[in-house]
Each structure stands twice: as structure tokens, then as C-alpha cells.
C-alpha atoms as a PDB file:
ATOM      1  CA  MET A   1       0.053   0.002  -0.065  1.00  0.00           C
ATOM      2  CA  ASN A   2       2.663   2.349   1.008  1.00  0.00           C
ATOM      3  CA  ARG A   3       4.720   1.735  -2.277  1.00  0.00           C
ATOM      4  CA  ILE A   4       1.193   2.697  -4.371  1.00  0.00           C
ATOM      5  CA  ALA A   5       0.671   5.868  -2.345  1.00  0.00           C
ATOM      6  CA  ASP A   6       4.378   6.860  -3.295  1.00  0.00           C
ATOM      7  CA  ASN A   7       3.839   6.146  -6.659  1.00  0.00           C
ATOM      8  CA  ALA A   8       0.810   8.495  -7.072  1.00  0.00           C
ATOM      9  CA  LEU A   9       3.018  11.045  -4.623  1.00  0.00           C
ATOM     10  CA  LYS A  10       5.557  11.367  -7.495  1.00  0.00           C
ATOM     11  CA  ILE A  11       3.158  11.225 -10.373  1.00  0.00           C
ATOM     12  CA  LEU A  12       1.307  14.028  -8.686  1.00  0.00           C
ATOM     13  CA  ARG A  13       4.859  15.772  -8.559  1.00  0.00           C
ATOM     14  CA  LEU A  14       5.798  15.602 -12.183  1.00  0.00           C
ATOM     15  CA  LEU A  15       2.321  16.374 -13.195  1.00  0.00           C
ATOM     16  CA  PRO A  16       2.352  20.516 -12.967  1.00  0.00           C
ATOM     17  CA  ARG A  17       5.779  19.957 -14.961  1.00  0.00           C
ATOM     18  CA  ALA A  18       4.463  17.825 -17.802  1.00  0.00           C
ATOM     19  CA  ALA A  19       1.791  20.247 -18.713  1.00  0.00           C
ATOM     20  CA  LEU A  20       4.105  23.256 -18.288  1.00  0.00           C
ATOM     21  CA  ILE A  21       6.126  21.461 -20.780  1.00  0.00           C
ATOM     22  CA  LEU A  22       3.228  20.621 -22.955  1.00  0.00           C
ATOM     23  CA  MET A  23       1.736  23.941 -23.199  1.00  0.00           C
ATOM     24  CA  LEU A  24       5.311  25.102 -24.204  1.00  0.00           C
ATOM     25  CA  LEU A  25       5.290  23.369 -26.929  1.00  0.00           C
ATOM     26  CA  ALA A  26       1.587  23.500 -27.847  1.00  0.00           C
ATOM     27  CA  ALA A  27       1.758  27.313 -27.900  1.00  0.00           C
ATOM     28  CA  PRO A  28       3.366  27.971 -31.530  1.00  0.00           C
ATOM     29  CA  VAL A  29       1.132  25.027 -33.050  1.00  0.00           C
ATOM     30  CA  LEU A  30      -1.663  26.710 -31.611  1.00  0.00           C
ATOM     31  CA  ALA A  31      -0.521  30.153 -32.415  1.00  0.00           C
ATOM     32  CA  VAL A  32      -0.300  29.578 -36.338  1.00  0.00           C
ATOM     33  CA  PRO A  33      -4.057  29.531 -37.089  1.00  0.00           C
ATOM     34  CA  ALA A  34      -4.803  32.735 -35.516  1.00  0.00           C
ATOM     35  CA  MET A  35      -1.853  34.383 -37.223  1.00  0.00           C
ATOM     36  CA  ARG A  36      -3.152  33.221 -40.833  1.00  0.00           C
ATOM     37  CA  ALA A  37      -6.218  34.324 -39.676  1.00  0.00           C
ATOM     38  CA  ASP A  38      -5.620  38.073 -39.666  1.00  0.00           C
ATOM     39  CA  ALA A  39      -4.815  38.633 -43.495  1.00  0.00           C
ATOM     40  CA  GLY A  40      -4.265  42.269 -42.910  1.00  0.00           C
ATOM     41  CA  SER A  41      -0.826  41.944 -41.982  1.00  0.00           C
ATOM     42  CA  THR A  42       0.596  40.399 -44.719  1.00  0.00           C
ATOM     43  CA  ILE A  43       2.765  42.761 -46.655  1.00  0.00           C
ATOM     44  CA  GLU A  44       3.695  41.846 -50.232  1.00  0.00           C
ATOM     45  CA  ALA A  45       6.163  43.545 -52.680  1.00  0.00           C
ATOM     46  CA  PRO A  46       5.683  44.270 -56.141  1.00  0.00           C
ATOM     47  CA  ALA A  47       5.999  42.101 -58.547  1.00  0.00           C
ATOM     48  CA  LEU A  48       8.767  42.331 -60.859  1.00  0.00           C
ATOM     49  CA  LYS A  49       9.805  42.850 -64.347  1.00  0.00           C
ATOM     50  CA  LYS A  50      11.165  39.566 -66.332  1.00  0.00           C
ATOM     51  CA  SER A  51      13.858  40.737 -68.593  1.00  0.00           C
ATOM     52  CA  GLY A  52      14.492  36.724 -69.607  1.00  0.00           C
ATOM     53  CA  VAL A  53      18.453  37.296 -69.045  1.00  0.00           C
ATOM     54  CA  GLY A  54      18.508  34.421 -67.545  1.00  0.00           C
ATOM     55  CA  PHE A  55      17.664  32.056 -70.320  1.00  0.00           C
ATOM     56  CA  VAL A  56      20.610  33.584 -72.522  1.00  0.00           C
ATOM     57  CA  LEU A  57      23.089  33.159 -69.298  1.00  0.00           C
ATOM     58  CA  LEU A  58      21.684  29.726 -69.340  1.00  0.00           C
ATOM     59  CA  VAL A  59      22.273  29.054 -73.208  1.00  0.00           C
ATOM     60  CA  SER A  60      26.003  30.889 -73.091  1.00  0.00           C
ATOM     61  CA  LEU A  61      27.447  29.009 -69.752  1.00  0.00           C
ATOM     62  CA  ARG A  62      26.600  25.464 -71.566  1.00  0.00           C
ATOM     63  CA  ARG A  63      28.435  26.739 -74.614  1.00  0.00           C
ATOM     64  CA  GLY A  64      31.505  27.490 -72.512  1.00  0.00           C
END
């Protein structure tokens, strides 16, 4: 009976620590949907003009 009581006390001592660790691990996961819900905070850069230089560089490098 004493062994069962000791085990129960050990488990009860570990529960607050385990709950704290679980909350710290779950906080970022639970914060992601909240950040995605607010679309007003997204800042987008203007689209760059395509100049086609990349293809010319690719062909010139393959020949050389």
C-alpha cells in the first residue's frame, strides 16, 4: 500500500511540470491558425519585371 501511495505522489509531482512542458510545446502550434486568420498583416512586394536574361545566361554557360 505504501508503494502505491509513493508512486501516486511521484506522479502528482510530475503533473504540473509535464503540463507546463506541453503548454510550451503546444503554444506555437496553436498560434499558427491565429496568425493565418489575420490577412491584413501580410506585406507583399511589387512583382518584378521579367527581362529574360536568365535564359540567355543559361545558353551561354552551356556553350562555354
